[in-house]
Every structure is written in structure tokens, then in C-alpha cells.
């Protein structure tokens, strides 16, 4: 995924490869890891803005889904889930809601879990 650092217009960026390349029906997920969304060197005002944003379960579990695309193999349809879905996770529903991403309606895709971790 990460392949290098790119510098453009005086700014440094992280270069990423296309994680969906080569898949017939890519099903990407945007998963944020960590309990905070700001850097230690950020200004006080930036930290305040980030602390005011809703984080759902991220503050207690250390991750959250910001969105996902899921292929329903049985019905041959794609389902898109957005950040509203990700923010709706609770400690009581996280296992069930996370399993939506790994269940393609014919089997639970345990084989993809290592590529996410």
C-alpha cells in the first residue's frame, strides 16, 4: 500500500498504491485506526476541532469504519455504507455491524481479515 513519499508544491505526501487494482469487484473499506485524530504537533485550535468531531467507538475500541463497499454475492449487488453507518456502531453492535463487511451472503470472508490487519 505505502510505496514512497512524494513532494509536490513544497509539501510532502505519502504515496499509496491502488489497493483495488486487479480485483474484478473491489470492496474497499475506509477504516481509521487509533483513538485520536490529531498529531502531537498540531496547534491548540486544530486539536480542539478534532476533539469536537464525533468519533463513535474509536475512543474506546481504537478503530472505526468511515465507509465500506460490500458485494452481496447471492444477489450480485453492491452495497455502499457511509460514515453515518460507521458512526452508528456501539459497543453492543460492533461485532454484528463489522461482520457486514466480511459476509458476502455466501460465506464469511475470514481470508481477507489478515490483509486488513
N, C-alpha and C. Protein backbone atom coordinates (compact mmCIF):
# COMPACT_ATOMS: atom_id res chain seq x y z
N UNK A 1 0.81 -1.18 0.00
CA UNK A 1 0.00 0.00 0.00
C UNK A 1 0.87 1.26 0.00
N UNK A 2 1.68 1.48 1.05
CA UNK A 2 2.56 2.63 1.05
C UNK A 2 3.76 2.31 0.17
N UNK A 3 4.13 3.22 -0.72
CA UNK A 3 5.29 2.92 -1.54
C UNK A 3 6.37 3.99 -1.52
N UNK A 4 6.07 5.22 -1.19
CA UNK A 4 7.11 6.24 -1.08
C UNK A 4 6.52 7.56 -0.60
N UNK A 5 7.40 8.54 -0.51
CA UNK A 5 6.98 9.90 -0.18
C UNK A 5 7.12 10.75 -1.43
N UNK A 6 6.10 11.53 -1.73
CA UNK A 6 6.08 12.38 -2.91
C UNK A 6 6.12 13.82 -2.45
N UNK A 7 6.93 14.63 -3.13
CA UNK A 7 6.97 16.05 -2.80
C UNK A 7 6.43 16.84 -3.99
N UNK A 8 5.41 17.64 -3.72
CA UNK A 8 4.81 18.49 -4.76
C UNK A 8 4.44 19.82 -4.15
N UNK A 9 4.75 20.88 -4.88
CA UNK A 9 4.40 22.23 -4.47
C UNK A 9 4.88 22.56 -3.06
N UNK A 10 6.03 22.01 -2.70
CA UNK A 10 6.62 22.29 -1.40
C UNK A 10 6.04 21.50 -0.24
N UNK A 11 5.15 20.56 -0.53
CA UNK A 11 4.54 19.72 0.52
C UNK A 11 4.90 18.26 0.30
N UNK A 12 5.04 17.54 1.38
CA UNK A 12 5.32 16.10 1.28
C UNK A 12 4.03 15.32 1.46
N UNK A 13 3.86 14.31 0.62
CA UNK A 13 2.68 13.45 0.66
C UNK A 13 3.11 12.00 0.73
N UNK A 14 2.27 11.18 1.30
CA UNK A 14 2.51 9.76 1.35
C UNK A 14 1.98 9.15 0.05
N UNK A 15 2.83 8.44 -0.67
CA UNK A 15 2.41 7.78 -1.91
C UNK A 15 1.80 6.43 -1.61
N UNK A 16 0.60 6.18 -2.10
CA UNK A 16 -0.09 4.92 -1.87
C UNK A 16 -0.38 4.23 -3.19
N UNK A 17 -0.32 2.92 -3.18
CA UNK A 17 -0.69 2.18 -4.38
C UNK A 17 -2.21 2.00 -4.40
N UNK A 18 -2.73 1.64 -5.54
CA UNK A 18 -4.17 1.42 -5.68
C UNK A 18 -4.51 0.04 -5.12
N UNK A 19 -5.07 0.01 -3.94
CA UNK A 19 -5.38 -1.24 -3.27
C UNK A 19 -6.45 -2.05 -3.98
N UNK A 20 -7.22 -1.40 -4.86
CA UNK A 20 -8.30 -2.09 -5.57
C UNK A 20 -7.85 -2.64 -6.92
N UNK A 21 -6.64 -2.32 -7.34
CA UNK A 21 -6.16 -2.75 -8.65
C UNK A 21 -6.14 -4.29 -8.72
N UNK A 22 -6.66 -4.80 -9.82
CA UNK A 22 -6.63 -6.24 -10.06
C UNK A 22 -7.86 -7.00 -9.58
N UNK A 23 -8.71 -6.36 -8.83
CA UNK A 23 -9.92 -7.02 -8.36
C UNK A 23 -11.06 -6.81 -9.35
N UNK A 24 -11.84 -7.84 -9.60
CA UNK A 24 -12.99 -7.72 -10.50
C UNK A 24 -14.08 -6.86 -9.87
N UNK A 25 -14.33 -7.11 -8.60
CA UNK A 25 -15.35 -6.35 -7.86
C UNK A 25 -14.71 -5.89 -6.55
N UNK A 26 -13.99 -4.77 -6.60
CA UNK A 26 -13.32 -4.32 -5.38
C UNK A 26 -14.32 -3.88 -4.32
N UNK A 27 -13.99 -4.18 -3.09
CA UNK A 27 -14.84 -3.81 -1.96
C UNK A 27 -13.97 -3.12 -0.90
N UNK A 28 -13.61 -1.88 -1.17
CA UNK A 28 -12.75 -1.18 -0.21
C UNK A 28 -13.50 -0.78 1.05
N UNK A 29 -12.73 -0.63 2.10
CA UNK A 29 -13.26 -0.12 3.36
C UNK A 29 -12.31 0.96 3.86
N UNK A 30 -12.86 2.04 4.36
CA UNK A 30 -12.07 3.10 4.96
C UNK A 30 -12.16 2.90 6.46
N UNK A 31 -11.09 2.41 7.04
CA UNK A 31 -11.06 2.10 8.47
C UNK A 31 -9.99 2.97 9.11
N UNK A 32 -10.39 3.75 10.08
CA UNK A 32 -9.44 4.59 10.80
C UNK A 32 -9.00 3.85 12.06
N UNK A 33 -7.69 3.84 12.26
CA UNK A 33 -7.13 3.18 13.44
C UNK A 33 -6.62 4.23 14.41
N UNK A 34 -6.81 3.99 15.69
CA UNK A 34 -6.33 4.91 16.71
C UNK A 34 -7.47 5.53 17.49
N UNK A 35 -7.12 6.11 18.60
CA UNK A 35 -8.14 6.71 19.47
C UNK A 35 -8.23 8.22 19.33
N UNK A 36 -7.27 8.83 18.64
CA UNK A 36 -7.30 10.27 18.41
C UNK A 36 -7.05 10.56 16.94
N UNK A 37 -7.48 11.72 16.46
CA UNK A 37 -7.34 12.04 15.03
C UNK A 37 -6.51 13.29 14.79
N UNK A 38 -5.64 13.62 15.74
CA UNK A 38 -4.76 14.77 15.58
C UNK A 38 -3.34 14.36 15.96
N UNK A 39 -2.39 15.18 15.57
CA UNK A 39 -0.98 14.91 15.83
C UNK A 39 -0.50 15.69 17.04
N UNK A 40 0.54 15.20 17.67
CA UNK A 40 1.05 15.87 18.87
C UNK A 40 1.57 17.27 18.56
N UNK A 41 1.97 17.54 17.33
CA UNK A 41 2.47 18.86 16.97
C UNK A 41 1.41 19.82 16.46
N UNK A 42 0.15 19.39 16.42
CA UNK A 42 -0.93 20.26 15.93
C UNK A 42 -1.17 21.43 16.88
N UNK A 43 -1.66 22.51 16.31
CA UNK A 43 -1.98 23.69 17.12
C UNK A 43 -3.16 23.39 18.05
N UNK A 44 -3.30 24.21 19.07
CA UNK A 44 -4.41 24.03 20.01
C UNK A 44 -5.76 24.12 19.31
N UNK A 45 -5.87 25.04 18.35
CA UNK A 45 -7.15 25.20 17.65
C UNK A 45 -7.47 23.97 16.81
N UNK A 46 -6.45 23.36 16.19
CA UNK A 46 -6.68 22.15 15.39
C UNK A 46 -7.06 20.97 16.29
N UNK A 47 -6.42 20.85 17.41
CA UNK A 47 -6.75 19.79 18.37
C UNK A 47 -8.19 19.96 18.84
N UNK A 48 -8.58 21.20 19.13
CA UNK A 48 -9.94 21.49 19.59
C UNK A 48 -10.97 21.07 18.54
N UNK A 49 -10.69 21.37 17.28
CA UNK A 49 -11.60 20.99 16.18
C UNK A 49 -11.72 19.48 16.10
N UNK A 50 -10.61 18.77 16.19
CA UNK A 50 -10.65 17.31 16.10
C UNK A 50 -11.33 16.67 17.31
N UNK A 51 -11.14 17.26 18.48
CA UNK A 51 -11.80 16.72 19.67
C UNK A 51 -13.31 16.92 19.62
N UNK A 52 -13.76 17.94 18.88
CA UNK A 52 -15.19 18.22 18.78
C UNK A 52 -15.90 17.29 17.80
N UNK A 53 -15.14 16.65 16.92
CA UNK A 53 -15.76 15.76 15.93
C UNK A 53 -16.24 14.47 16.59
N UNK A 54 -17.36 13.93 16.11
CA UNK A 54 -17.82 12.65 16.66
C UNK A 54 -16.86 11.53 16.24
N UNK A 55 -16.57 10.63 17.17
CA UNK A 55 -15.65 9.53 16.85
C UNK A 55 -16.30 8.16 16.98
N UNK A 56 -17.54 8.12 17.41
CA UNK A 56 -18.18 6.82 17.58
C UNK A 56 -17.42 5.99 18.60
N UNK A 57 -17.15 4.74 18.25
CA UNK A 57 -16.48 3.82 19.17
C UNK A 57 -14.97 3.93 19.15
N UNK A 58 -14.42 4.78 18.28
CA UNK A 58 -12.97 4.86 18.12
C UNK A 58 -12.26 5.17 19.43
N UNK A 59 -12.84 6.02 20.25
CA UNK A 59 -12.18 6.38 21.50
C UNK A 59 -12.10 5.22 22.48
N UNK A 60 -12.99 4.25 22.38
CA UNK A 60 -12.93 3.12 23.31
C UNK A 60 -12.33 1.86 22.68
N UNK A 61 -12.54 1.63 21.38
CA UNK A 61 -12.01 0.42 20.74
C UNK A 61 -10.77 0.67 19.89
N UNK A 62 -10.53 1.91 19.50
CA UNK A 62 -9.33 2.21 18.74
C UNK A 62 -9.46 2.05 17.24
N UNK A 63 -10.67 1.91 16.72
CA UNK A 63 -10.89 1.87 15.28
C UNK A 63 -12.32 2.30 14.98
N UNK A 64 -12.54 2.68 13.72
CA UNK A 64 -13.90 2.91 13.27
C UNK A 64 -13.95 2.83 11.75
N UNK A 65 -15.07 2.39 11.26
CA UNK A 65 -15.32 2.35 9.83
C UNK A 65 -15.83 3.73 9.40
N UNK A 66 -15.23 4.28 8.34
CA UNK A 66 -15.73 5.53 7.78
C UNK A 66 -16.58 5.25 6.54
N UNK A 67 -16.51 4.04 6.08
CA UNK A 67 -17.28 3.66 4.91
C UNK A 67 -16.80 2.32 4.39
N UNK A 68 -17.63 1.70 3.58
CA UNK A 68 -17.27 0.41 3.01
C UNK A 68 -18.18 0.11 1.82
N UNK A 69 -17.63 -0.67 0.91
CA UNK A 69 -18.42 -1.21 -0.19
C UNK A 69 -18.45 -2.71 0.00
N UNK A 70 -19.62 -3.29 -0.05
CA UNK A 70 -19.80 -4.71 0.20
C UNK A 70 -20.52 -5.35 -0.98
N UNK A 71 -19.98 -6.47 -1.45
CA UNK A 71 -20.61 -7.19 -2.56
C UNK A 71 -21.46 -8.32 -2.00
N UNK A 72 -22.72 -8.33 -2.37
CA UNK A 72 -23.65 -9.39 -2.00
C UNK A 72 -23.61 -10.41 -3.13
N UNK A 73 -22.87 -11.47 -2.92
CA UNK A 73 -22.65 -12.46 -3.98
C UNK A 73 -23.94 -13.19 -4.36
N UNK A 74 -24.78 -13.41 -3.39
CA UNK A 74 -26.02 -14.13 -3.63
C UNK A 74 -26.93 -13.37 -4.59
N UNK A 75 -27.06 -12.06 -4.40
CA UNK A 75 -27.94 -11.23 -5.23
C UNK A 75 -27.19 -10.44 -6.30
N UNK A 76 -25.85 -10.58 -6.32
CA UNK A 76 -24.99 -9.88 -7.27
C UNK A 76 -25.22 -8.36 -7.25
N UNK A 77 -25.19 -7.80 -6.05
CA UNK A 77 -25.38 -6.36 -5.88
C UNK A 77 -24.29 -5.78 -4.98
N UNK A 78 -23.98 -4.52 -5.21
CA UNK A 78 -23.04 -3.80 -4.35
C UNK A 78 -23.82 -2.93 -3.38
N UNK A 79 -23.36 -2.90 -2.15
CA UNK A 79 -23.97 -2.05 -1.13
C UNK A 79 -22.89 -1.11 -0.62
N UNK A 80 -23.22 0.16 -0.53
CA UNK A 80 -22.27 1.16 -0.03
C UNK A 80 -22.73 1.65 1.33
N UNK A 81 -21.78 1.68 2.25
CA UNK A 81 -22.03 2.16 3.60
C UNK A 81 -21.17 3.39 3.83
N UNK A 82 -21.74 4.44 4.40
CA UNK A 82 -21.02 5.69 4.58
C UNK A 82 -20.62 5.92 6.03
N UNK A 83 -20.10 7.12 6.31
CA UNK A 83 -19.63 7.39 7.67
C UNK A 83 -20.77 7.45 8.69
N UNK A 84 -21.98 7.72 8.25
CA UNK A 84 -23.12 7.68 9.17
C UNK A 84 -23.27 6.27 9.72
N UNK A 85 -23.12 5.29 8.83
CA UNK A 85 -23.14 3.88 9.23
C UNK A 85 -22.02 3.61 10.23
N UNK A 86 -20.82 4.07 9.91
CA UNK A 86 -19.68 3.83 10.80
C UNK A 86 -19.84 4.48 12.16
N UNK A 87 -20.42 5.66 12.18
CA UNK A 87 -20.62 6.34 13.46
C UNK A 87 -21.76 5.73 14.28
N UNK A 88 -22.58 4.89 13.64
CA UNK A 88 -23.70 4.27 14.36
C UNK A 88 -23.27 3.05 15.18
N UNK A 89 -22.03 2.59 15.01
CA UNK A 89 -21.54 1.45 15.78
C UNK A 89 -21.57 1.78 17.27
N UNK A 90 -21.96 0.81 18.06
CA UNK A 90 -21.89 0.94 19.51
C UNK A 90 -21.14 -0.27 20.04
N UNK A 91 -20.78 -0.24 21.29
CA UNK A 91 -20.08 -1.40 21.87
C UNK A 91 -20.95 -2.65 21.79
N UNK A 92 -22.27 -2.47 21.83
CA UNK A 92 -23.18 -3.61 21.76
C UNK A 92 -23.35 -4.15 20.34
N UNK A 93 -23.18 -3.31 19.33
CA UNK A 93 -23.45 -3.73 17.94
C UNK A 93 -22.21 -3.87 17.07
N UNK A 94 -21.03 -3.56 17.58
CA UNK A 94 -19.83 -3.52 16.76
C UNK A 94 -19.52 -4.84 16.06
N UNK A 95 -19.72 -5.95 16.73
CA UNK A 95 -19.43 -7.25 16.10
C UNK A 95 -20.39 -7.51 14.95
N UNK A 96 -21.66 -7.31 15.18
CA UNK A 96 -22.66 -7.52 14.13
C UNK A 96 -22.44 -6.56 12.95
N UNK A 97 -22.22 -5.29 13.24
CA UNK A 97 -22.06 -4.31 12.17
C UNK A 97 -20.75 -4.51 11.40
N UNK A 98 -19.69 -4.87 12.08
CA UNK A 98 -18.43 -5.14 11.39
C UNK A 98 -18.54 -6.37 10.50
N UNK A 99 -19.31 -7.35 10.93
CA UNK A 99 -19.45 -8.57 10.13
C UNK A 99 -20.14 -8.32 8.79
N UNK A 100 -20.86 -7.21 8.66
CA UNK A 100 -21.49 -6.84 7.38
C UNK A 100 -20.42 -6.77 6.29
N UNK A 101 -19.25 -6.25 6.64
CA UNK A 101 -18.18 -6.11 5.65
C UNK A 101 -17.60 -7.46 5.23
N UNK A 102 -17.56 -8.42 6.12
CA UNK A 102 -16.91 -9.69 5.86
C UNK A 102 -17.85 -10.79 5.35
N UNK A 103 -19.15 -10.53 5.33
CA UNK A 103 -20.13 -11.54 4.91
C UNK A 103 -20.66 -11.19 3.53
N UNK A 104 -20.32 -12.01 2.52
CA UNK A 104 -20.78 -11.72 1.16
C UNK A 104 -22.06 -12.49 0.81
N UNK A 105 -22.74 -12.98 1.80
CA UNK A 105 -24.02 -13.69 1.70
C UNK A 105 -23.90 -15.13 1.19
N UNK A 106 -22.66 -15.57 0.92
CA UNK A 106 -22.46 -16.99 0.63
C UNK A 106 -21.51 -17.60 1.65
N UNK A 107 -20.62 -16.76 2.21
CA UNK A 107 -19.73 -17.20 3.28
C UNK A 107 -19.13 -15.98 3.96
N UNK A 108 -18.63 -16.18 5.17
CA UNK A 108 -17.93 -15.12 5.87
C UNK A 108 -16.49 -15.13 5.39
N UNK A 109 -15.99 -13.99 4.92
CA UNK A 109 -14.67 -13.89 4.30
C UNK A 109 -13.57 -13.72 5.34
N UNK A 110 -13.29 -14.78 6.09
CA UNK A 110 -12.22 -14.74 7.07
C UNK A 110 -10.86 -14.58 6.40
N UNK A 111 -10.76 -14.97 5.14
CA UNK A 111 -9.48 -14.91 4.42
C UNK A 111 -9.01 -13.48 4.18
N UNK A 112 -9.89 -12.49 4.24
CA UNK A 112 -9.48 -11.10 3.99
C UNK A 112 -9.05 -10.37 5.27
N UNK A 113 -9.34 -10.95 6.40
CA UNK A 113 -9.01 -10.29 7.67
C UNK A 113 -7.51 -10.00 7.82
N UNK A 114 -6.62 -10.94 7.51
CA UNK A 114 -5.17 -10.63 7.65
C UNK A 114 -4.72 -9.44 6.79
N UNK A 115 -5.32 -9.25 5.62
CA UNK A 115 -4.89 -8.13 4.78
C UNK A 115 -5.31 -6.79 5.36
N UNK A 116 -6.29 -6.78 6.23
CA UNK A 116 -6.72 -5.55 6.88
C UNK A 116 -5.87 -5.25 8.10
N UNK A 117 -5.48 -6.31 8.79
CA UNK A 117 -4.66 -6.12 9.99
C UNK A 117 -3.25 -5.86 9.59
